[in-house]
Amino acid sequence: MSSSLSSQAASAPIPGPVPAPAPASTDVLVVGAGPTGLLLAGDLAAAGVRVTLVEKRAQESNLTRAFAVHARTLETFDARGIAEPLIATGTFTSGLRLFGGAGVDLSRLPSRFPGVLFTPQYETERVLEERALQAGAVLRRGEEVTGLRQDADGVDADLRAADGTTETLRAAYAVGADGVRSAVRKELGLPFPGKSVLRSVMLADVRLTSEPPGLPAFRSSGEGVAFLVPFGDGYYRAIAWVHGSDLPSTAPVDFEELKAVTRSAFGTDFGMHDPRWTSRFHSDERQVPHYRAGRVFLAGDAAHVHSPAGGLGMNTGLQDAANLSWKLAAVLKGTAPESLLDSYHDERHPVGKQVLRISGTIVRGVLLTSPVTRRLRDAAAVAAVSLPFAADRGALLVSGIGIHYPAPPGAHPMTGRRAPDLPLAERAGGPTRLYEALRAGTHVRVLPRGAGAPQQKETGVTAVTRADARGTALLVRPDGYVAEARELG
């Protein structure tokens, strides 16, 4: 018996090296499950793209630094059917107050949402996460990127879980939406030039015994600045900054100091009490030179960061996501050339630069310490908002409604601009306005009345008819911007 076994063993082939198992794969890897990453992942999943979202946080965070959701973002949410649920979580107001009590009137915005919504960031994340998961996105919490490599066909990301286990995930494309300290940006070796502009800002969610007049309320004094905004659930966001403060962001917030700065600015602290959350942060102005590096993209705070003045940060990141998502989906589905992806940087980088400029102008006004210069600042602000053209332009820029993308020479004036929410001719069970039609996630061709249906059905295009008498035909992109426009009558 032993001789037979030995003979068999001797004749058996020597096994070769065992090939390494192929890495798990996905179409798009999104790093960072903040608002930007969640919107992007939800859009991709809704378009039928396999998307994996990884987030370093093991659990959902109650972090609520961002709280302003501007009109253009609400329109973007409306085109996804999630605007109304989010509005129900906060306070909607038609104006913002700046220096010297000067107000920015948002009620004149040409939008279904003429104002700004104040709601904690965790509510925005909750609504976006529910949508992304329902659409089929895979969310993996407690995992971080430790390495990133790309070749002509895809991206390999090394992931490490909270328990120390590691995995390599293969994706056709990757997006870093992982914040100001982006691991993706660092792995790409991209610079993040800029500077620190505001240090040791105190944040708190508090209750007040008496409500401040003219909310949201902003005041400054020789000691510092204070800002109060209602969330609608009995709590208020309090922001305070002391001139010259340089404590690290890890330093705990002294609640008595926050109250003192508020009293210095407003003459009262409004009976501030019962803080449910406090934090301290530093604010930088930085922007990465390129939003695309091969098959990897950067969005949100990973690509640009600035002061919280104007509440523009989260909104800008969400618009990054809306711009990139449909382009990635079109390329992956083979309905658009890969070169389309270059337009993400071309369109969004100038917007990020503009937002840095706007928020920078506001925060530098906040930082003034001299009583004389503060009075001049206040007078200039009041004078500016008294001019209808200047006031309307400011409202359009802050709200995002006035942001547009470059158009080819000779193009129709509407090309590259945000499409208004046009009323549509009623069809049984069909959309009654343009932003309802955009919920299909496709381009939307808007035809004038009497133009008839298109001669042939277009792949990836929803055809509708406008209800008004205008003769302008539009092709609207999935992100709500006009791709083509022409006059038919």
Protein backbone atom coordinates (compact mmCIF):
# COMPACT_ATOMS: atom_id res chain seq x y z
CA MET A 1 0.00 0.00 0.00
CA SER A 2 2.73 2.41 0.90
CA SER A 3 4.56 1.63 -2.35
CA SER A 4 1.44 2.46 -4.37
CA LEU A 5 0.95 5.76 -2.56
CA SER A 6 4.57 6.71 -3.08
CA SER A 7 4.29 5.97 -6.79
CA GLN A 8 1.18 8.13 -7.12
CA ALA A 9 2.79 10.97 -5.23
CA ALA A 10 5.87 10.85 -7.38
CA SER A 11 3.87 11.09 -10.59
CA ALA A 12 1.59 13.93 -9.44
CA PRO A 13 2.37 17.36 -11.01
CA ILE A 14 4.00 19.92 -8.77
CA PRO A 15 1.42 22.63 -8.06
CA GLY A 16 2.32 26.12 -9.27
CA PRO A 17 1.82 29.36 -7.34
CA VAL A 18 -1.77 30.02 -6.36
CA PRO A 19 -2.97 33.17 -8.19
CA ALA A 20 -4.06 36.02 -5.94
CA PRO A 21 -7.83 36.46 -5.88
CA ALA A 22 -9.13 39.28 -8.03
CA PRO A 23 -9.97 42.34 -5.93
CA ALA A 24 -13.57 43.17 -5.29
CA SER A 25 -14.87 45.61 -7.87
CA THR A 26 -17.32 48.43 -8.36
CA ASP A 27 -17.96 50.99 -11.08
CA VAL A 28 -17.33 54.04 -8.91
CA LEU A 29 -15.71 54.28 -5.49
CA VAL A 30 -16.81 57.35 -3.53
CA VAL A 31 -14.73 58.17 -0.47
CA GLY A 32 -16.56 60.20 2.17
CA ALA A 33 -20.21 59.92 3.23
CA GLY A 34 -20.85 63.59 3.91
CA PRO A 35 -23.47 65.47 1.88
CA THR A 36 -21.31 65.63 -1.27
CA GLY A 37 -20.47 61.94 -1.32
CA LEU A 38 -24.03 60.89 -0.46
CA LEU A 39 -25.61 62.94 -3.26
CA LEU A 40 -23.06 61.65 -5.74
CA ALA A 41 -23.54 58.03 -4.71
CA GLY A 42 -27.32 58.38 -4.79
CA ASP A 43 -27.26 59.83 -8.29
CA LEU A 44 -24.97 57.09 -9.61
CA ALA A 45 -26.98 54.31 -8.02
CA ALA A 46 -30.24 55.78 -9.37
CA ALA A 47 -28.65 55.74 -12.84
CA GLY A 48 -27.92 52.02 -12.53
CA VAL A 49 -24.21 52.42 -11.82
CA ARG A 50 -22.56 50.17 -9.23
CA VAL A 51 -21.27 52.51 -6.56
CA THR A 52 -19.50 51.82 -3.28
CA LEU A 53 -19.32 54.56 -0.66
CA VAL A 54 -16.71 54.23 2.11
CA GLU A 55 -16.68 56.40 5.21
CA LYS A 56 -14.06 56.54 7.93
CA ARG A 57 -16.67 57.28 10.60
CA ALA A 58 -17.89 54.01 12.04
CA GLN A 59 -21.22 55.54 13.02
CA GLU A 60 -23.37 58.36 11.82
CA SER A 61 -22.15 61.68 13.20
CA ASN A 62 -24.25 64.37 14.79
CA LEU A 63 -21.71 66.90 13.52
CA THR A 64 -23.68 69.91 12.37
CA ARG A 65 -21.27 72.61 11.25
CA ALA A 66 -23.12 73.29 8.00
CA PHE A 67 -26.71 74.44 8.38
CA ALA A 68 -27.65 76.64 5.40
CA VAL A 69 -29.27 75.02 2.36
CA HIS A 70 -29.57 77.62 -0.38
CA ALA A 71 -32.17 77.90 -3.14
CA ARG A 72 -30.13 76.27 -5.90
CA THR A 73 -29.43 73.28 -3.68
CA LEU A 74 -33.12 72.99 -2.82
CA GLU A 75 -33.85 72.99 -6.56
CA THR A 76 -31.29 70.21 -6.97
CA PHE A 77 -33.03 68.26 -4.21
CA ASP A 78 -36.41 68.99 -5.81
CA ALA A 79 -35.17 67.37 -9.03
CA ARG A 80 -34.61 64.25 -6.91
CA GLY A 81 -37.88 64.41 -4.98
CA ILE A 82 -36.27 65.13 -1.59
CA ALA A 83 -36.67 68.90 -1.14
CA GLU A 84 -39.94 68.82 0.78
CA PRO A 85 -38.82 66.19 3.35
CA LEU A 86 -35.74 68.25 4.10
CA ILE A 87 -37.62 71.56 4.37
CA ALA A 88 -39.84 69.94 6.99
CA THR A 89 -36.80 69.51 9.28
CA GLY A 90 -35.81 73.17 9.62
CA THR A 91 -36.65 76.85 9.29
CA PHE A 92 -37.09 78.50 5.90
CA THR A 93 -36.44 82.24 5.73
CA SER A 94 -36.53 84.75 2.89
CA GLY A 95 -33.58 86.87 3.94
CA LEU A 96 -30.06 87.07 5.37
CA ARG A 97 -28.65 89.83 7.55
CA LEU A 98 -25.19 91.23 7.02
CA PHE A 99 -23.28 94.14 8.47
CA GLY A 100 -25.12 97.05 10.04
CA GLY A 101 -28.43 95.20 9.85
CA ALA A 102 -28.29 95.26 6.04
CA GLY A 103 -30.37 92.45 4.66
CA VAL A 104 -30.08 90.31 1.54
CA ASP A 105 -33.62 89.85 0.23
CA LEU A 106 -33.98 86.34 -1.16
CA SER A 107 -37.75 86.56 -1.65
CA ARG A 108 -37.19 88.02 -5.14
CA LEU A 109 -35.23 85.00 -6.36
CA PRO A 110 -36.73 83.48 -9.55
CA SER A 111 -37.07 80.10 -7.87
CA ARG A 112 -39.67 77.84 -6.29
CA PHE A 113 -37.55 78.24 -3.14
CA PRO A 114 -37.01 82.00 -2.68
CA GLY A 115 -35.01 81.88 0.51
CA VAL A 116 -32.64 79.73 2.54
CA LEU A 117 -33.34 76.70 4.71
CA PHE A 118 -31.66 76.41 8.11
CA THR A 119 -31.40 72.81 9.25
CA PRO A 120 -28.66 70.77 10.94
CA GLN A 121 -26.24 69.04 8.58
CA TYR A 122 -27.16 65.65 10.00
CA GLU A 123 -30.70 66.11 8.67
CA THR A 124 -29.34 66.77 5.17
CA GLU A 125 -27.13 63.69 5.45
CA ARG A 126 -30.04 61.57 6.68
CA VAL A 127 -32.25 62.47 3.71
CA LEU A 128 -29.41 61.92 1.23
CA GLU A 129 -28.33 58.62 2.80
CA GLU A 130 -31.86 57.21 2.72
CA ARG A 131 -32.10 58.06 -0.97
CA ALA A 132 -28.68 56.58 -1.79
CA LEU A 133 -29.36 53.30 0.00
CA GLN A 134 -32.83 52.96 -1.51
CA ALA A 135 -31.28 53.44 -4.96
CA GLY A 136 -28.81 50.61 -4.32
CA ALA A 137 -25.59 52.33 -3.24
CA VAL A 138 -23.35 50.22 -0.98
CA LEU A 139 -22.28 52.12 2.15
CA ARG A 140 -19.33 50.78 4.10
CA ARG A 141 -18.67 52.63 7.36
CA GLY A 142 -15.57 52.39 9.50
CA GLU A 143 -13.22 52.03 6.52
CA GLU A 144 -10.47 54.38 5.37
CA VAL A 145 -8.30 54.66 2.28
CA THR A 146 -4.64 53.81 2.94
CA GLY A 147 -3.41 53.60 -0.64
CA LEU A 148 -4.51 54.51 -4.15
CA ARG A 149 -3.14 53.46 -7.53
CA GLN A 150 -4.52 53.89 -11.02
CA ASP A 151 -3.81 52.61 -14.50
CA ALA A 152 -5.39 53.06 -17.90
CA ASP A 153 -8.37 50.87 -17.00
CA GLY A 154 -9.20 51.66 -13.40
CA VAL A 155 -8.29 52.51 -9.84
CA ASP A 156 -7.16 50.23 -6.99
CA ALA A 157 -7.92 51.51 -3.50
CA ASP A 158 -6.46 49.91 -0.39
CA LEU A 159 -9.01 50.00 2.41
CA ARG A 160 -8.52 49.37 6.11
CA ALA A 161 -11.45 48.61 8.40
CA ALA A 162 -11.72 49.63 12.04
CA ASP A 163 -10.75 46.10 13.15
CA GLY A 164 -7.50 46.30 11.16
CA THR A 165 -8.51 44.07 8.27
CA THR A 166 -7.52 45.26 4.81
CA GLU A 167 -8.91 44.91 1.32
CA THR A 168 -8.20 46.21 -2.17
CA LEU A 169 -11.20 47.49 -4.11
CA ARG A 170 -11.05 47.89 -7.88
CA ALA A 171 -13.12 50.65 -9.49
CA ALA A 172 -13.41 52.18 -12.93
CA TYR A 173 -13.37 55.64 -11.32
CA ALA A 174 -12.92 57.07 -7.83
CA VAL A 175 -14.09 60.29 -6.23
CA GLY A 176 -12.57 61.85 -3.13
CA ALA A 177 -15.34 63.61 -1.21
CA ASP A 178 -13.53 63.07 2.07
CA GLY A 179 -13.12 66.61 3.35
CA VAL A 180 -10.40 69.13 3.97
CA ARG A 181 -7.93 66.46 5.15
CA SER A 182 -8.72 64.27 2.16
CA ALA A 183 -6.82 60.97 2.08
CA VAL A 184 -7.58 60.70 -1.64
CA ARG A 185 -6.03 64.09 -2.37
CA LYS A 186 -2.93 63.15 -0.37
CA GLU A 187 -2.59 59.82 -2.19
CA LEU A 188 -2.75 61.70 -5.49
CA GLY A 189 0.01 64.01 -4.28
CA LEU A 190 -1.98 67.09 -5.25
CA PRO A 191 -1.17 70.43 -3.59
CA PHE A 192 -3.80 72.31 -1.63
CA PRO A 193 -2.51 75.88 -1.70
CA GLY A 194 -4.00 78.61 0.43
CA LYS A 195 -3.92 80.03 3.93
CA SER A 196 -5.68 80.13 7.27
CA VAL A 197 -8.06 83.07 7.62
CA LEU A 198 -10.09 82.48 10.77
CA ARG A 199 -8.93 80.56 13.83
CA SER A 200 -10.68 79.17 16.88
CA VAL A 201 -14.32 79.86 15.98
CA MET A 202 -16.75 78.60 18.62
CA LEU A 203 -19.90 76.72 17.61
CA ALA A 204 -22.78 75.56 19.77
CA ASP A 205 -26.38 74.44 19.43
CA VAL A 206 -28.22 76.10 22.31
CA ARG A 207 -31.60 77.04 23.66
CA LEU A 208 -32.55 80.69 24.26
CA THR A 209 -34.92 82.16 26.83
CA SER A 210 -35.89 84.98 24.49
CA GLU A 211 -35.81 85.02 20.68
CA PRO A 212 -33.52 87.55 18.99
CA PRO A 213 -35.26 90.01 16.67
CA GLY A 214 -34.63 89.77 12.96
CA LEU A 215 -33.38 86.21 12.70
CA PRO A 216 -30.91 85.11 11.48
CA ALA A 217 -29.04 87.64 13.60
CA PHE A 218 -25.45 88.83 13.16
CA ARG A 219 -23.59 91.47 15.16
CA SER A 220 -19.97 92.46 15.74
CA SER A 221 -18.18 94.42 18.41
CA GLY A 222 -14.65 95.36 19.41
CA GLU A 223 -14.43 92.06 21.28
CA GLY A 224 -15.60 89.76 18.51
CA VAL A 225 -18.58 88.64 16.45
CA ALA A 226 -21.70 86.57 17.14
CA PHE A 227 -24.27 84.92 14.89
CA LEU A 228 -27.56 83.21 15.80
CA VAL A 229 -29.85 81.18 13.56
CA PRO A 230 -32.92 79.05 14.46
CA PHE A 231 -33.19 75.39 13.51
CA GLY A 232 -36.93 75.19 14.14
CA ASP A 233 -36.71 72.51 16.83
CA GLY A 234 -36.22 74.87 19.78
CA TYR A 235 -32.45 75.04 19.31
CA TYR A 236 -30.36 77.81 17.77
CA ARG A 237 -26.95 77.67 16.16
CA ALA A 238 -24.62 80.09 17.96
CA ILE A 239 -21.34 81.07 16.31
CA ALA A 240 -18.88 83.31 18.13
CA TRP A 241 -15.35 84.44 17.54
CA VAL A 242 -13.06 86.45 19.78
CA HIS A 243 -10.57 88.81 18.15
CA GLY A 244 -7.07 87.39 18.51
CA SER A 245 -8.17 83.96 19.73
CA ASP A 246 -5.74 81.23 18.68
CA LEU A 247 -6.77 78.14 20.63
CA PRO A 248 -6.43 74.81 18.79
CA SER A 249 -9.54 73.25 17.26
CA THR A 250 -9.30 70.49 19.87
CA ALA A 251 -9.73 72.97 22.75
CA PRO A 252 -13.13 72.68 24.45
CA VAL A 253 -15.59 75.52 24.04
CA ASP A 254 -15.94 77.70 27.14
CA PHE A 255 -19.70 78.22 27.24
CA GLU A 256 -19.37 81.29 29.45
CA GLU A 257 -16.98 82.84 26.93
CA LEU A 258 -19.43 82.16 24.12
CA LYS A 259 -22.19 83.88 26.11
CA ALA A 260 -19.90 86.82 26.87
CA VAL A 261 -19.07 87.38 23.19
CA THR A 262 -22.77 87.22 22.36
CA ARG A 263 -23.55 89.82 25.07
CA SER A 264 -20.77 92.06 23.76
CA ALA A 265 -22.20 91.94 20.24
CA PHE A 266 -25.96 92.05 20.96
CA GLY A 267 -26.09 93.59 24.44
CA THR A 268 -27.64 90.35 25.72
CA ASP A 269 -27.06 86.61 25.46
CA PHE A 270 -30.85 86.02 25.15
CA GLY A 271 -30.74 83.65 28.12
CA MET A 272 -28.51 81.18 26.28
CA HIS A 273 -28.52 77.76 27.98
CA ASP A 274 -28.58 73.97 27.60
CA PRO A 275 -25.96 73.44 24.85
CA ARG A 276 -26.48 70.05 23.18
CA TRP A 277 -23.36 70.25 21.01
CA THR A 278 -20.24 72.39 20.95
CA SER A 279 -17.20 72.50 18.72
CA ARG A 280 -14.33 74.73 17.67
CA PHE A 281 -12.82 75.02 14.21
CA HIS A 282 -10.26 76.85 12.11
CA SER A 283 -11.17 78.15 8.66
CA ASP A 284 -8.84 78.06 5.67
CA GLU A 285 -9.09 79.32 2.11
CA ARG A 286 -7.69 76.62 -0.18
CA GLN A 287 -8.37 75.15 -3.60
CA VAL A 288 -6.75 72.24 -5.39
CA PRO A 289 -5.41 73.26 -8.84
CA HIS A 290 -7.06 70.34 -10.65
CA TYR A 291 -10.32 68.60 -9.78
CA ARG A 292 -9.41 65.60 -11.97
CA ALA A 293 -6.30 63.39 -11.92
CA GLY A 294 -6.77 60.61 -14.46
CA ARG A 295 -9.58 58.38 -13.20
CA VAL A 296 -9.83 60.11 -9.83
CA PHE A 297 -11.86 63.24 -9.05
CA LEU A 298 -12.10 65.55 -6.06
CA ALA A 299 -15.32 67.19 -4.87
CA GLY A 300 -16.53 69.27 -1.95
CA ASP A 301 -14.09 70.23 0.79
CA ALA A 302 -11.51 67.84 -0.65
CA ALA A 303 -11.28 70.22 -3.63
CA HIS A 304 -12.00 73.60 -2.05
CA VAL A 305 -12.45 74.99 1.43
CA HIS A 306 -13.21 78.48 2.69
CA SER A 307 -14.76 80.37 5.57
CA PRO A 308 -18.35 79.58 6.60
CA ALA A 309 -19.38 83.16 5.75
CA GLY A 310 -22.46 83.05 3.54
CA GLY A 311 -23.09 79.35 4.22
CA LEU A 312 -21.67 78.40 0.83
CA GLY A 313 -19.44 75.41 1.58
CA MET A 314 -21.83 72.46 1.71
CA ASN A 315 -23.92 73.91 -1.10
CA THR A 316 -20.90 74.21 -3.39
CA GLY A 317 -19.92 70.60 -2.70
CA LEU A 318 -23.43 69.38 -3.46
CA GLN A 319 -23.35 71.20 -6.79
CA ASP A 320 -19.97 69.56 -7.52
CA ALA A 321 -21.66 66.19 -7.01
CA ALA A 322 -24.65 67.05 -9.20
CA ASN A 323 -22.32 68.16 -12.00
CA LEU A 324 -20.08 65.08 -11.86
CA SER A 325 -22.61 62.31 -11.25
CA TRP A 326 -24.48 62.42 -14.55
CA LYS A 327 -21.23 62.68 -16.51
CA LEU A 328 -19.75 59.61 -14.84
CA ALA A 329 -22.98 57.70 -15.43
CA ALA A 330 -23.10 58.67 -19.11
CA VAL A 331 -19.48 57.62 -19.72
CA LEU A 332 -19.88 54.32 -17.86
CA LYS A 333 -23.05 53.50 -19.80
CA GLY A 334 -21.34 54.32 -23.10
CA THR A 335 -23.65 57.17 -24.06
CA ALA A 336 -20.96 59.88 -23.85
CA PRO A 337 -17.24 60.02 -24.65
CA GLU A 338 -14.71 59.85 -21.86
CA SER A 339 -13.65 63.41 -22.69
CA LEU A 340 -16.93 64.64 -21.16
CA LEU A 341 -15.34 64.10 -17.75
CA ASP A 342 -12.87 66.92 -18.40
CA SER A 343 -15.76 69.37 -18.29
CA TYR A 344 -16.20 68.69 -14.57
CA HIS A 345 -13.02 70.62 -13.75
CA ASP A 346 -13.66 73.19 -16.48
CA GLU A 347 -17.09 74.03 -15.08
CA ARG A 348 -16.66 73.60 -11.34
CA HIS A 349 -13.16 74.95 -10.67
CA PRO A 350 -14.12 78.55 -11.62
CA VAL A 351 -17.18 78.27 -9.37
CA GLY A 352 -15.03 77.15 -6.45
CA LYS A 353 -12.71 80.08 -7.06
CA GLN A 354 -15.65 82.48 -7.09
CA VAL A 355 -17.03 81.06 -3.84
CA LEU A 356 -13.65 81.55 -2.16
CA ARG A 357 -13.73 85.16 -3.29
CA ILE A 358 -17.29 85.79 -2.03
CA SER A 359 -16.82 84.14 1.36
CA GLY A 360 -13.40 85.76 1.70
CA THR A 361 -14.86 89.22 1.17
CA ILE A 362 -17.51 88.61 3.83
CA VAL A 363 -15.12 87.18 6.42
CA ARG A 364 -12.63 90.02 5.98
CA GLY A 365 -15.46 92.38 6.81
CA VAL A 366 -16.13 90.32 9.93
CA LEU A 367 -12.49 90.57 11.03
CA LEU A 368 -12.43 94.38 11.20
CA THR A 369 -11.62 95.57 14.71
CA SER A 370 -11.55 99.37 14.48
CA PRO A 371 -14.87 101.05 15.38
CA VAL A 372 -14.35 103.50 12.51
CA THR A 373 -13.78 100.81 9.87
CA ARG A 374 -16.69 98.79 11.22
CA ARG A 375 -18.99 101.81 10.85
CA LEU A 376 -17.75 102.35 7.30
CA ARG A 377 -18.32 98.65 6.56
CA ASP A 378 -21.87 98.82 7.91
CA ALA A 379 -22.65 101.95 5.90
CA ALA A 380 -21.27 100.39 2.72
CA ALA A 381 -23.38 97.25 3.25
CA VAL A 382 -26.55 99.26 3.78
CA ALA A 383 -25.83 101.34 0.68
CA ALA A 384 -25.15 98.25 -1.43
CA VAL A 385 -28.41 96.47 -0.59
CA SER A 386 -30.36 99.67 -1.27
CA LEU A 387 -29.38 99.41 -4.95
CA PRO A 388 -31.76 96.90 -6.59
CA PHE A 389 -29.23 95.70 -9.17
CA ALA A 390 -26.49 95.10 -6.58
CA ALA A 391 -28.91 93.51 -4.12
CA ASP A 392 -30.35 91.15 -6.73
CA ARG A 393 -26.90 90.17 -8.01
CA GLY A 394 -25.75 89.40 -4.48
CA ALA A 395 -28.83 87.25 -3.86
CA LEU A 396 -28.31 85.35 -7.13
CA LEU A 397 -24.67 84.59 -6.34
CA VAL A 398 -25.13 83.61 -2.69
CA SER A 399 -28.15 81.42 -3.48
CA GLY A 400 -26.40 79.70 -6.40
CA ILE A 401 -29.25 80.61 -8.76
CA GLY A 402 -26.99 83.01 -10.70
CA ILE A 403 -24.13 80.56 -11.24
CA HIS A 404 -23.71 79.42 -14.84
CA TYR A 405 -21.22 77.54 -16.99
CA PRO A 406 -19.32 78.67 -20.12
CA ALA A 407 -21.14 78.32 -23.43
CA PRO A 408 -19.65 77.95 -26.92
CA PRO A 409 -19.28 81.12 -29.01
CA GLY A 410 -22.52 82.04 -30.74
CA ALA A 411 -24.64 79.83 -28.48
CA HIS A 412 -28.13 80.84 -27.39
CA PRO A 413 -28.03 83.11 -24.28
CA MET A 414 -29.65 80.40 -22.16
CA THR A 415 -26.96 77.82 -22.91
CA GLY A 416 -24.95 76.98 -19.80
CA ARG A 417 -27.43 78.65 -17.47
CA ARG A 418 -29.66 77.13 -14.84
CA ALA A 419 -32.99 76.12 -16.34
CA PRO A 420 -36.01 77.70 -14.64
CA ASP A 421 -38.69 75.36 -13.32
CA LEU A 422 -41.00 75.71 -16.32
CA PRO A 423 -44.64 74.64 -16.16
CA LEU A 424 -45.35 71.73 -18.50
CA ALA A 425 -48.41 70.81 -20.51
CA GLU A 426 -50.44 68.34 -18.50
CA ARG A 427 -50.34 64.69 -19.45
CA ALA A 428 -52.09 61.93 -17.55
CA GLY A 429 -49.73 60.94 -14.74
CA GLY A 430 -46.88 62.96 -16.23
CA PRO A 431 -44.79 65.74 -14.70
CA THR A 432 -46.37 69.17 -14.43
CA ARG A 433 -43.13 71.14 -14.20
CA LEU A 434 -39.57 70.76 -15.41
CA TYR A 435 -37.96 69.78 -12.11
CA GLU A 436 -40.43 66.93 -11.75
CA ALA A 437 -39.38 65.74 -15.22
CA LEU A 438 -35.72 65.87 -14.15
CA ARG A 439 -36.47 63.19 -11.54
CA ALA A 440 -36.08 60.65 -14.34
CA GLY A 441 -32.34 61.34 -14.15
CA THR A 442 -32.08 61.94 -17.89
CA HIS A 443 -31.66 64.92 -20.18
CA VAL A 444 -35.02 66.60 -20.72
CA ARG A 445 -36.01 68.04 -24.09
CA VAL A 446 -38.50 70.85 -23.61
CA LEU A 447 -40.54 71.64 -26.72
CA PRO A 448 -42.80 74.66 -27.30
CA ARG A 449 -46.52 74.14 -27.60
CA GLY A 450 -47.51 73.12 -31.12
CA ALA A 451 -44.04 71.86 -31.98
CA GLY A 452 -45.23 68.26 -31.95
CA ALA A 453 -43.38 65.27 -30.62
CA PRO A 454 -39.75 64.62 -31.71
CA GLN A 455 -39.54 62.72 -34.99
CA GLN A 456 -37.67 59.91 -33.30
CA LYS A 457 -37.21 58.91 -29.68
CA GLU A 458 -33.84 59.92 -28.28
CA THR A 459 -31.94 57.52 -26.04
CA GLY A 460 -31.56 58.89 -22.52
CA VAL A 461 -33.80 61.88 -23.18
CA THR A 462 -37.24 62.63 -21.72
CA ALA A 463 -39.42 64.77 -24.01
CA VAL A 464 -41.93 67.22 -22.54
CA THR A 465 -43.92 70.22 -23.76
CA ARG A 466 -43.86 73.59 -22.06
CA ALA A 467 -47.20 75.02 -20.99
CA ASP A 468 -46.42 78.68 -21.63
CA ALA A 469 -46.47 80.45 -24.99
CA ARG A 470 -42.70 80.86 -25.33
CA GLY A 471 -41.17 79.41 -28.50
CA THR A 472 -37.80 78.47 -26.98
CA ALA A 473 -36.86 74.79 -27.20
CA LEU A 474 -34.42 73.53 -24.56
CA LEU A 475 -32.29 70.49 -23.92
CA VAL A 476 -31.74 70.43 -20.16
CA ARG A 477 -28.96 68.38 -18.60
CA PRO A 478 -29.69 66.06 -15.65
CA ASP A 479 -28.15 68.65 -13.31
CA GLY A 480 -30.66 71.27 -14.40
CA TYR A 481 -28.45 73.35 -16.70
CA VAL A 482 -29.29 74.14 -20.32
CA ALA A 483 -27.18 72.14 -22.81
CA GLU A 484 -28.87 73.57 -25.91
CA ALA A 485 -31.47 76.22 -26.67
CA ARG A 486 -33.04 77.52 -29.87
CA GLU A 487 -35.99 79.62 -30.93
CA LEU A 488 -38.69 77.81 -32.87
CA GLY A 489 -41.21 80.60 -33.09
